Amino acid sequence: MIDPLFSTVQLSFEGLRKVNTLRESFTEMVEIIEAILPGYSREISIIRTKLEEASFYAVKAVRNYKENQA
């Protein structure tokens, strides 16, 4: 049996909608930050990495709610 920590689930239409909303929101946030802070400094690289990490966990969290599972 696969531990739930490493498993995936099929998402419902509502779950997919939420994931897409999250991804669009993180994309918008990166675009806003890059407009305010143009260029590629170390700090911008860290910001992008941390947002990528936050996005990963936000999307992963969607699966934890029964209404998002197919």
PDB file of N, CA and C in Angstrom:
ATOM      1  N   MET A   1       0.846  -1.181   0.000  1.00  0.00           N
ATOM      2  CA  MET A   1       0.000   0.000   0.000  1.00  0.00           C
ATOM      3  C   MET A   1       0.895   1.250   0.000  1.00  0.00           C
ATOM      4  N   ILE A   2       0.503   2.245  -0.751  1.00  0.00           N
ATOM      5  CA  ILE A   2       1.254   3.497  -0.849  1.00  0.00           C
ATOM      6  C   ILE A   2       0.796   4.443   0.256  1.00  0.00           C
ATOM      7  N   ASP A   3       1.752   4.974   0.969  1.00  0.00           N
ATOM      8  CA  ASP A   3       1.463   5.953   2.022  1.00  0.00           C
ATOM      9  C   ASP A   3       0.803   7.180   1.385  1.00  0.00           C
ATOM     10  N   PRO A   4      -0.246   7.733   1.995  1.00  0.00           N
ATOM     11  CA  PRO A   4      -0.921   8.917   1.435  1.00  0.00           C
ATOM     12  C   PRO A   4       0.020  10.100   1.194  1.00  0.00           C
ATOM     13  N   LEU A   5       1.118  10.152   1.926  1.00  0.00           N
ATOM     14  CA  LEU A   5       2.095  11.214   1.739  1.00  0.00           C
ATOM     15  C   LEU A   5       2.647  11.225   0.313  1.00  0.00           C
ATOM     16  N   PHE A   6       2.707  10.048  -0.305  1.00  0.00           N
ATOM     17  CA  PHE A   6       3.308   9.913  -1.631  1.00  0.00           C
ATOM     18  C   PHE A   6       2.297   9.586  -2.724  1.00  0.00           C
ATOM     19  N   SER A   7       1.037   9.581  -2.383  1.00  0.00           N
ATOM     20  CA  SER A   7       0.014   9.175  -3.346  1.00  0.00           C
ATOM     21  C   SER A   7      -0.563  10.365  -4.111  1.00  0.00           C
ATOM     22  N   THR A   8      -1.293  10.050  -5.121  1.00  0.00           N
ATOM     23  CA  THR A   8      -2.048  11.057  -5.861  1.00  0.00           C
ATOM     24  C   THR A   8      -3.509  10.618  -5.899  1.00  0.00           C
ATOM     25  N   VAL A   9      -4.376  11.559  -6.181  1.00  0.00           N
ATOM     26  CA  VAL A   9      -5.798  11.239  -6.329  1.00  0.00           C
ATOM     27  C   VAL A   9      -6.314  11.911  -7.591  1.00  0.00           C
ATOM     28  N   GLN A  10      -7.344  11.325  -8.152  1.00  0.00           N
ATOM     29  CA  GLN A  10      -8.018  11.921  -9.296  1.00  0.00           C
ATOM     30  C   GLN A  10      -8.856  13.080  -8.773  1.00  0.00           C
ATOM     31  N   LEU A  11      -8.705  14.244  -9.384  1.00  0.00           N
ATOM     32  CA  LEU A  11      -9.463  15.405  -8.932  1.00  0.00           C
ATOM     33  C   LEU A  11     -10.785  15.524  -9.672  1.00  0.00           C
ATOM     34  N   SER A  12     -11.775  16.030  -8.970  1.00  0.00           N
ATOM     35  CA  SER A  12     -13.076  16.322  -9.573  1.00  0.00           C
ATOM     36  C   SER A  12     -12.961  17.594 -10.412  1.00  0.00           C
ATOM     37  N   PHE A  13     -14.012  17.917 -11.120  1.00  0.00           N
ATOM     38  CA  PHE A  13     -14.035  19.153 -11.901  1.00  0.00           C
ATOM     39  C   PHE A  13     -13.784  20.348 -10.991  1.00  0.00           C
ATOM     40  N   GLU A  14     -14.408  20.343  -9.818  1.00  0.00           N
ATOM     41  CA  GLU A  14     -14.236  21.436  -8.854  1.00  0.00           C
ATOM     42  C   GLU A  14     -12.788  21.498  -8.363  1.00  0.00           C
ATOM     43  N   GLY A  15     -12.195  20.348  -8.095  1.00  0.00           N
ATOM     44  CA  GLY A  15     -10.796  20.304  -7.684  1.00  0.00           C
ATOM     45  C   GLY A  15      -9.873  20.856  -8.756  1.00  0.00           C
ATOM     46  N   LEU A  16     -10.114  20.481  -9.999  1.00  0.00           N
ATOM     47  CA  LEU A  16      -9.316  20.994 -11.116  1.00  0.00           C
ATOM     48  C   LEU A  16      -9.482  22.500 -11.275  1.00  0.00           C
ATOM     49  N   ARG A  17     -10.696  22.985 -11.070  1.00  0.00           N
ATOM     50  CA  ARG A  17     -10.955  24.417 -11.162  1.00  0.00           C
ATOM     51  C   ARG A  17     -10.155  25.171 -10.092  1.00  0.00           C
ATOM     52  N   LYS A  18     -10.133  24.625  -8.894  1.00  0.00           N
ATOM     53  CA  LYS A  18      -9.390  25.255  -7.799  1.00  0.00           C
ATOM     54  C   LYS A  18      -7.889  25.249  -8.084  1.00  0.00           C
ATOM     55  N   VAL A  19      -7.379  24.144  -8.600  1.00  0.00           N
ATOM     56  CA  VAL A  19      -5.954  24.054  -8.942  1.00  0.00           C
ATOM     57  C   VAL A  19      -5.607  25.094 -10.003  1.00  0.00           C
ATOM     58  N   ASN A  20      -6.439  25.219 -11.020  1.00  0.00           N
ATOM     59  CA  ASN A  20      -6.184  26.213 -12.070  1.00  0.00           C
ATOM     60  C   ASN A  20      -6.229  27.635 -11.514  1.00  0.00           C
ATOM     61  N   THR A  21      -7.160  27.901 -10.611  1.00  0.00           N
ATOM     62  CA  THR A  21      -7.231  29.217  -9.978  1.00  0.00           C
ATOM     63  C   THR A  21      -5.969  29.507  -9.181  1.00  0.00           C
ATOM     64  N   LEU A  22      -5.501  28.514  -8.439  1.00  0.00           N
ATOM     65  CA  LEU A  22      -4.256  28.688  -7.680  1.00  0.00           C
ATOM     66  C   LEU A  22      -3.083  28.976  -8.612  1.00  0.00           C
ATOM     67  N   ARG A  23      -2.965  28.202  -9.675  1.00  0.00           N
ATOM     68  CA  ARG A  23      -1.845  28.377 -10.606  1.00  0.00           C
ATOM     69  C   ARG A  23      -1.892  29.742 -11.290  1.00  0.00           C
ATOM     70  N   GLU A  24      -3.083  30.175 -11.671  1.00  0.00           N
ATOM     71  CA  GLU A  24      -3.230  31.502 -12.280  1.00  0.00           C
ATOM     72  C   GLU A  24      -2.859  32.597 -11.278  1.00  0.00           C
ATOM     73  N   SER A  25      -3.254  32.420 -10.027  1.00  0.00           N
ATOM     74  CA  SER A  25      -2.956  33.415  -8.992  1.00  0.00           C
ATOM     75  C   SER A  25      -1.460  33.510  -8.714  1.00  0.00           C
ATOM     76  N   PHE A  26      -0.781  32.371  -8.638  1.00  0.00           N
ATOM     77  CA  PHE A  26       0.669  32.394  -8.435  1.00  0.00           C
ATOM     78  C   PHE A  26       1.375  33.007  -9.640  1.00  0.00           C
ATOM     79  N   THR A  27       0.876  32.731 -10.834  1.00  0.00           N
ATOM     80  CA  THR A  27       1.447  33.333 -12.044  1.00  0.00           C
ATOM     81  C   THR A  27       1.307  34.844 -12.002  1.00  0.00           C
ATOM     82  N   GLU A  28       0.123  35.317 -11.626  1.00  0.00           N
ATOM     83  CA  GLU A  28      -0.114  36.755 -11.524  1.00  0.00           C
ATOM     84  C   GLU A  28       0.811  37.382 -10.482  1.00  0.00           C
ATOM     85  N   MET A  29       0.994  36.693  -9.363  1.00  0.00           N
ATOM     86  CA  MET A  29       1.866  37.223  -8.326  1.00  0.00           C
ATOM     87  C   MET A  29       3.308  37.355  -8.832  1.00  0.00           C
ATOM     88  N   VAL A  30       3.804  36.351  -9.536  1.00  0.00           N
ATOM     89  CA  VAL A  30       5.161  36.423 -10.095  1.00  0.00           C
ATOM     90  C   VAL A  30       5.267  37.580 -11.083  1.00  0.00           C
ATOM     91  N   GLU A  31       4.257  37.754 -11.917  1.00  0.00           N
ATOM     92  CA  GLU A  31       4.279  38.840 -12.904  1.00  0.00           C
ATOM     93  C   GLU A  31       4.301  40.206 -12.219  1.00  0.00           C
ATOM     94  N   ILE A  32       3.524  40.363 -11.164  1.00  0.00           N
ATOM     95  CA  ILE A  32       3.500  41.636 -10.427  1.00  0.00           C
ATOM     96  C   ILE A  32       4.858  41.895  -9.785  1.00  0.00           C
ATOM     97  N   ILE A  33       5.400  40.890  -9.130  1.00  0.00           N
ATOM     98  CA  ILE A  33       6.698  41.049  -8.473  1.00  0.00           C
ATOM     99  C   ILE A  33       7.777  41.393  -9.490  1.00  0.00           C
ATOM    100  N   GLU A  34       7.791  40.717 -10.631  1.00  0.00           N
ATOM    101  CA  GLU A  34       8.807  40.981 -11.644  1.00  0.00           C
ATOM    102  C   GLU A  34       8.634  42.344 -12.299  1.00  0.00           C
ATOM    103  N   ALA A  35       7.413  42.863 -12.310  1.00  0.00           N
ATOM    104  CA  ALA A  35       7.187  44.208 -12.838  1.00  0.00           C
ATOM    105  C   ALA A  35       7.729  45.261 -11.868  1.00  0.00           C
ATOM    106  N   ILE A  36       7.580  44.987 -10.590  1.00  0.00           N
ATOM    107  CA  ILE A  36       8.063  45.913  -9.566  1.00  0.00           C
ATOM    108  C   ILE A  36       9.575  45.801  -9.404  1.00  0.00           C
ATOM    109  N   LEU A  37      10.085  44.590  -9.494  1.00  0.00           N
ATOM    110  CA  LEU A  37      11.507  44.313  -9.281  1.00  0.00           C
ATOM    111  C   LEU A  37      12.101  43.647 -10.526  1.00  0.00           C
ATOM    112  N   PRO A  38      12.326  44.425 -11.590  1.00  0.00           N
ATOM    113  CA  PRO A  38      12.837  43.819 -12.826  1.00  0.00           C
ATOM    114  C   PRO A  38      14.271  43.318 -12.663  1.00  0.00           C
ATOM    115  N   GLY A  39      14.635  42.375 -13.502  1.00  0.00           N
ATOM    116  CA  GLY A  39      15.979  41.816 -13.466  1.00  0.00           C
ATOM    117  C   GLY A  39      15.998  40.474 -12.762  1.00  0.00           C
ATOM    118  N   TYR A  40      17.179  39.911 -12.678  1.00  0.00           N
ATOM    119  CA  TYR A  40      17.314  38.586 -12.072  1.00  0.00           C
ATOM    120  C   TYR A  40      18.381  38.605 -10.989  1.00  0.00           C
ATOM    121  N   SER A  41      18.024  39.116  -9.841  1.00  0.00           N
ATOM    122  CA  SER A  41      18.930  39.127  -8.702  1.00  0.00           C
ATOM    123  C   SER A  41      18.764  37.818  -7.926  1.00  0.00           C
ATOM    124  N   ARG A  42      19.631  37.625  -6.975  1.00  0.00           N
ATOM    125  CA  ARG A  42      19.539  36.463  -6.103  1.00  0.00           C
ATOM    126  C   ARG A  42      18.200  36.457  -5.366  1.00  0.00           C
ATOM    127  N   GLU A  43      17.781  37.628  -4.916  1.00  0.00           N
ATOM    128  CA  GLU A  43      16.517  37.734  -4.178  1.00  0.00           C
ATOM    129  C   GLU A  43      15.324  37.341  -5.053  1.00  0.00           C
ATOM    130  N   ILE A  44      15.332  37.776  -6.305  1.00  0.00           N
ATOM    131  CA  ILE A  44      14.240  37.414  -7.218  1.00  0.00           C
ATOM    132  C   ILE A  44      14.225  35.903  -7.423  1.00  0.00           C
ATOM    133  N   SER A  45      15.395  35.319  -7.552  1.00  0.00           N
ATOM    134  CA  SER A  45      15.491  33.867  -7.704  1.00  0.00           C
ATOM    135  C   SER A  45      14.905  33.150  -6.500  1.00  0.00           C
ATOM    136  N   ILE A  46      15.199  33.647  -5.316  1.00  0.00           N
ATOM    137  CA  ILE A  46      14.659  33.044  -4.092  1.00  0.00           C
ATOM    138  C   ILE A  46      13.145  33.219  -4.036  1.00  0.00           C
ATOM    139  N   ILE A  47      12.664  34.399  -4.389  1.00  0.00           N
ATOM    140  CA  ILE A  47      11.215  34.649  -4.406  1.00  0.00           C
ATOM    141  C   ILE A  47      10.522  33.661  -5.340  1.00  0.00           C
ATOM    142  N   ARG A  48      11.068  33.500  -6.535  1.00  0.00           N
ATOM    143  CA  ARG A  48      10.465  32.567  -7.507  1.00  0.00           C
ATOM    144  C   ARG A  48      10.464  31.136  -6.966  1.00  0.00           C
ATOM    145  N   THR A  49      11.569  30.733  -6.346  1.00  0.00           N
ATOM    146  CA  THR A  49      11.662  29.380  -5.797  1.00  0.00           C
ATOM    147  C   THR A  49      10.656  29.168  -4.675  1.00  0.00           C
ATOM    148  N   LYS A  50      10.536  30.152  -3.791  1.00  0.00           N
ATOM    149  CA  LYS A  50       9.604  30.022  -2.669  1.00  0.00           C
ATOM    150  C   LYS A  50       8.144  30.030  -3.141  1.00  0.00           C
ATOM    151  N   LEU A  51       7.846  30.822  -4.166  1.00  0.00           N
ATOM    152  CA  LEU A  51       6.490  30.814  -4.718  1.00  0.00           C
ATOM    153  C   LEU A  51       6.190  29.480  -5.397  1.00  0.00           C
ATOM    154  N   GLU A  52       7.185  28.931  -6.072  1.00  0.00           N
ATOM    155  CA  GLU A  52       7.019  27.608  -6.692  1.00  0.00           C
ATOM    156  C   GLU A  52       6.724  26.563  -5.620  1.00  0.00           C
ATOM    157  N   GLU A  53       7.458  26.639  -4.523  1.00  0.00           N
ATOM    158  CA  GLU A  53       7.253  25.717  -3.412  1.00  0.00           C
ATOM    159  C   GLU A  53       5.863  25.903  -2.798  1.00  0.00           C
ATOM    160  N   ALA A  54       5.467  27.140  -2.572  1.00  0.00           N
ATOM    161  CA  ALA A  54       4.144  27.423  -2.001  1.00  0.00           C
ATOM    162  C   ALA A  54       3.042  26.934  -2.930  1.00  0.00           C
ATOM    163  N   SER A  55       3.227  27.130  -4.229  1.00  0.00           N
ATOM    164  CA  SER A  55       2.251  26.670  -5.213  1.00  0.00           C
ATOM    165  C   SER A  55       2.117  25.148  -5.163  1.00  0.00           C
ATOM    166  N   PHE A  56       3.238  24.466  -5.079  1.00  0.00           N
ATOM    167  CA  PHE A  56       3.230  23.008  -4.990  1.00  0.00           C
ATOM    168  C   PHE A  56       2.389  22.539  -3.808  1.00  0.00           C
ATOM    169  N   TYR A  57       2.625  23.135  -2.650  1.00  0.00           N
ATOM    170  CA  TYR A  57       1.887  22.708  -1.456  1.00  0.00           C
ATOM    171  C   TYR A  57       0.422  23.129  -1.500  1.00  0.00           C
ATOM    172  N   ALA A  58       0.130  24.253  -2.109  1.00  0.00           N
ATOM    173  CA  ALA A  58      -1.265  24.684  -2.242  1.00  0.00           C
ATOM    174  C   ALA A  58      -2.033  23.699  -3.119  1.00  0.00           C
ATOM    175  N   VAL A  59      -1.425  23.312  -4.236  1.00  0.00           N
ATOM    176  CA  VAL A  59      -2.078  22.364  -5.147  1.00  0.00           C
ATOM    177  C   VAL A  59      -2.204  20.998  -4.466  1.00  0.00           C
ATOM    178  N   LYS A  60      -1.161  20.601  -3.754  1.00  0.00           N
ATOM    179  CA  LYS A  60      -1.211  19.322  -3.039  1.00  0.00           C
ATOM    180  C   LYS A  60      -2.315  19.335  -1.978  1.00  0.00           C
ATOM    181  N   ALA A  61      -2.521  20.470  -1.340  1.00  0.00           N
ATOM    182  CA  ALA A  61      -3.547  20.579  -0.301  1.00  0.00           C
ATOM    183  C   ALA A  61      -4.956  20.408  -0.860  1.00  0.00           C
ATOM    184  N   VAL A  62      -5.157  20.768  -2.118  1.00  0.00           N
ATOM    185  CA  VAL A  62      -6.486  20.639  -2.729  1.00  0.00           C
ATOM    186  C   VAL A  62      -6.974  19.199  -2.629  1.00  0.00           C
ATOM    187  N   ARG A  63      -6.073  18.260  -2.792  1.00  0.00           N
ATOM    188  CA  ARG A  63      -6.473  16.846  -2.780  1.00  0.00           C
ATOM    189  C   ARG A  63      -6.964  16.375  -1.419  1.00  0.00           C
ATOM    190  N   ASN A  64      -6.657  17.124  -0.354  1.00  0.00           N
ATOM    191  CA  ASN A  64      -7.030  16.696   0.986  1.00  0.00           C
ATOM    192  C   ASN A  64      -8.502  16.899   1.308  1.00  0.00           C
ATOM    193  N   TYR A  65      -9.218  17.579   0.450  1.00  0.00           N
ATOM    194  CA  TYR A  65     -10.639  17.835   0.678  1.00  0.00           C
ATOM    195  C   TYR A  65     -11.471  16.904  -0.202  1.00  0.00           C
ATOM    196  N   LYS A  66     -12.342  16.157   0.432  1.00  0.00           N
ATOM    197  CA  LYS A  66     -13.141  15.130  -0.271  1.00  0.00           C
ATOM    198  C   LYS A  66     -13.906  15.707  -1.463  1.00  0.00           C
ATOM    199  N   GLU A  67     -14.406  16.941  -1.341  1.00  0.00           N
ATOM    200  CA  GLU A  67     -15.190  17.511  -2.439  1.00  0.00           C
ATOM    201  C   GLU A  67     -14.342  17.771  -3.690  1.00  0.00           C
ATOM    202  N   ASN A  68     -13.023  17.722  -3.561  1.00  0.00           N
ATOM    203  CA  ASN A  68     -12.143  17.939  -4.711  1.00  0.00           C
ATOM    204  C   ASN A  68     -11.702  16.640  -5.364  1.00  0.00           C
ATOM    205  N   GLN A  69     -12.080  15.529  -4.769  1.00  0.00           N
ATOM    206  CA  GLN A  69     -11.676  14.232  -5.300  1.00  0.00           C
ATOM    207  C   GLN A  69     -12.748  13.641  -6.195  1.00  0.00           C
ATOM    208  N   ALA A  70     -12.306  13.022  -7.279  1.00  0.00           N
ATOM    209  CA  ALA A  70     -13.248  12.396  -8.226  1.00  0.00           C
ATOM    210  C   ALA A  70     -13.707  11.064  -7.692  1.00  0.00           C
TER     211      ALA A  70
END
